[in-house]
Amino acid sequence: MTDQSRPSRTATDDSRAVEHVLGRPLAQSWPPDALPPGGRVTVVRDPEWDGPWPVEFLGTIDAMGAPEPNGHARALDGELLYWVVFDAPQYDSAGDGPYRKAQIRGRHLRPEPDAEPTHSAPCPDPAPGARRPG
């Protein structure tokens, strides 16, 4: 399939795929203190290990699903998980990808209030669903 004949993905396609993988609907109630949908962020590396992403890059908080509490045992108190659309496809620290969107821990996001959106080519055929390396 060529880029011209490949159907474009929509937010609805993404949310259906993620909800199928999760086995539940995505949250839609936006927490009052959360980063806003459409907000620009830099995804940053964790200072304590080589990941979850090997480089810093820009993205946008996606309104596909509201931020949700991070239920991981090592989550920070009150930490949220955000859906972030990447300006350019990215590989995670394990070399998997490229990903065009992922659910990222709030500790790995730095708000960029003055950053302008960057438009880039879509990621070629990412697998359905979403990975949660961040």
Protein backbone atom coordinates (compact mmCIF):
# COMPACT_ATOMS: atom_id res chain seq x y z
CA MET A 1 0.00 0.00 0.00
CA THR A 2 1.46 3.40 -0.92
CA ASP A 3 1.26 6.54 1.21
CA GLN A 4 -1.31 7.95 -1.24
CA SER A 5 -3.59 4.89 -1.00
CA ARG A 6 -3.19 4.30 2.75
CA PRO A 7 -6.31 5.44 4.60
CA SER A 8 -5.63 8.13 7.18
CA ARG A 9 -6.07 7.30 10.83
CA THR A 10 -8.51 9.33 12.85
CA ALA A 11 -8.80 10.01 16.56
CA THR A 12 -11.85 7.74 16.54
CA ASP A 13 -9.82 4.90 15.02
CA ASP A 14 -7.12 5.40 17.67
CA SER A 15 -9.58 5.48 20.56
CA ARG A 16 -11.42 2.37 19.32
CA ALA A 17 -8.13 0.47 19.01
CA VAL A 18 -6.93 1.53 22.47
CA GLU A 19 -10.29 0.77 24.08
CA HIS A 20 -10.22 -2.67 22.47
CA VAL A 21 -6.75 -3.37 23.89
CA LEU A 22 -7.65 -2.00 27.34
CA GLY A 23 -11.03 -3.71 27.41
CA ARG A 24 -12.70 -0.53 28.65
CA PRO A 25 -13.62 2.97 27.48
CA LEU A 26 -11.06 5.72 27.81
CA ALA A 27 -11.65 8.28 30.55
CA GLN A 28 -13.21 11.51 29.28
CA SER A 29 -13.43 13.62 32.47
CA TRP A 30 -10.41 15.94 32.44
CA PRO A 31 -8.82 16.40 35.91
CA PRO A 32 -8.83 20.11 36.87
CA ASP A 33 -5.07 20.33 37.59
CA ALA A 34 -3.96 18.29 34.56
CA LEU A 35 -2.03 19.65 31.59
CA PRO A 36 -4.59 20.89 29.04
CA PRO A 37 -5.55 19.04 25.86
CA GLY A 38 -3.66 20.55 22.93
CA GLY A 39 -0.87 21.70 25.25
CA ARG A 40 2.64 21.46 23.86
CA VAL A 41 5.13 19.33 25.79
CA THR A 42 8.64 17.97 25.54
CA VAL A 43 8.90 14.28 26.33
CA VAL A 44 12.02 13.90 28.47
CA ARG A 45 14.27 11.03 29.53
CA ASP A 46 14.18 9.76 33.07
CA PRO A 47 17.29 10.97 34.92
CA GLU A 48 17.58 7.65 36.79
CA TRP A 49 17.73 5.30 33.77
CA ASP A 50 18.19 5.27 30.01
CA GLY A 51 14.57 5.71 29.07
CA PRO A 52 11.75 5.40 28.51
CA TRP A 53 12.63 7.37 25.38
CA PRO A 54 16.26 7.69 24.22
CA VAL A 55 15.92 11.32 23.11
CA GLU A 56 13.83 14.34 24.06
CA PHE A 57 11.18 15.37 21.53
CA LEU A 58 8.10 17.56 21.14
CA GLY A 59 4.49 16.48 21.20
CA THR A 60 0.96 17.59 21.99
CA ILE A 61 -1.36 16.43 24.78
CA ASP A 62 -4.07 14.47 22.96
CA ALA A 63 -7.74 14.74 23.96
CA MET A 64 -8.40 11.15 22.81
CA GLY A 65 -8.64 10.19 26.48
CA ALA A 66 -8.39 12.25 29.64
CA PRO A 67 -5.32 11.89 31.85
CA GLU A 68 -5.71 8.99 34.27
CA PRO A 69 -4.03 8.19 37.58
CA ASN A 70 -0.88 6.11 37.21
CA GLY A 71 -1.62 2.88 39.08
CA HIS A 72 1.91 1.47 38.82
CA ALA A 73 3.57 0.50 42.12
CA ARG A 74 6.40 2.99 41.48
CA ALA A 75 4.12 5.85 40.41
CA LEU A 76 4.64 9.21 42.02
CA ASP A 77 1.88 10.36 44.37
CA GLY A 78 -0.89 11.83 42.21
CA GLU A 79 0.96 11.11 38.94
CA LEU A 80 -1.17 11.12 35.80
CA LEU A 81 -0.76 9.28 32.50
CA TYR A 82 -1.28 11.44 29.40
CA TRP A 83 -1.90 10.56 25.76
CA VAL A 84 0.70 12.44 23.71
CA VAL A 85 0.86 12.74 19.92
CA PHE A 86 4.46 13.04 18.74
CA ASP A 87 5.55 15.67 16.21
CA ALA A 88 7.63 12.99 14.51
CA PRO A 89 7.54 9.19 14.95
CA GLN A 90 9.76 7.95 17.81
CA TYR A 91 11.45 4.75 18.94
CA ASP A 92 11.41 3.84 22.64
CA SER A 93 14.54 2.98 24.63
CA ALA A 94 14.07 -0.73 23.82
CA GLY A 95 14.23 0.12 20.10
CA ASP A 96 10.54 -0.62 19.51
CA GLY A 97 8.50 1.62 17.25
CA PRO A 98 8.28 3.93 15.54
CA TYR A 99 5.35 5.30 17.54
CA ARG A 100 3.29 8.35 16.65
CA LYS A 101 1.43 8.46 19.97
CA ALA A 102 1.80 6.91 23.42
CA GLN A 103 0.55 7.16 26.97
CA ILE A 104 3.27 8.97 28.93
CA ARG A 105 3.81 9.43 32.66
CA GLY A 106 3.47 13.04 33.78
CA ARG A 107 7.02 12.99 35.20
CA HIS A 108 8.33 12.57 31.65
CA LEU A 109 6.52 15.65 30.31
CA ARG A 110 7.79 19.22 30.39
CA PRO A 111 5.16 21.80 29.38
CA GLU A 112 6.26 24.07 26.54
CA PRO A 113 3.87 27.04 26.62
CA ASP A 114 5.62 28.97 23.84
CA ALA A 115 6.27 26.05 21.47
CA GLU A 116 4.53 26.14 18.12
CA PRO A 117 3.00 22.93 16.73
CA THR A 118 5.18 21.13 14.23
CA HIS A 119 3.49 19.24 11.44
CA SER A 120 5.24 16.13 10.22
CA ALA A 121 4.56 13.12 8.09
CA PRO A 122 2.53 10.37 9.77
CA CYS A 123 4.27 7.32 11.13
CA PRO A 124 4.18 4.41 8.66
CA ASP A 125 1.66 1.73 9.68
CA PRO A 126 2.04 1.56 13.47
CA ALA A 127 0.49 -1.49 15.07
CA PRO A 128 -3.06 -1.06 16.38
CA GLY A 129 -3.33 -0.23 20.05
CA ALA A 130 -0.87 1.70 22.07
CA ARG A 131 2.30 1.03 23.94
CA ARG A 132 2.85 2.49 27.39
CA PRO A 133 6.61 2.82 27.76
CA GLY A 134 6.48 6.24 29.37
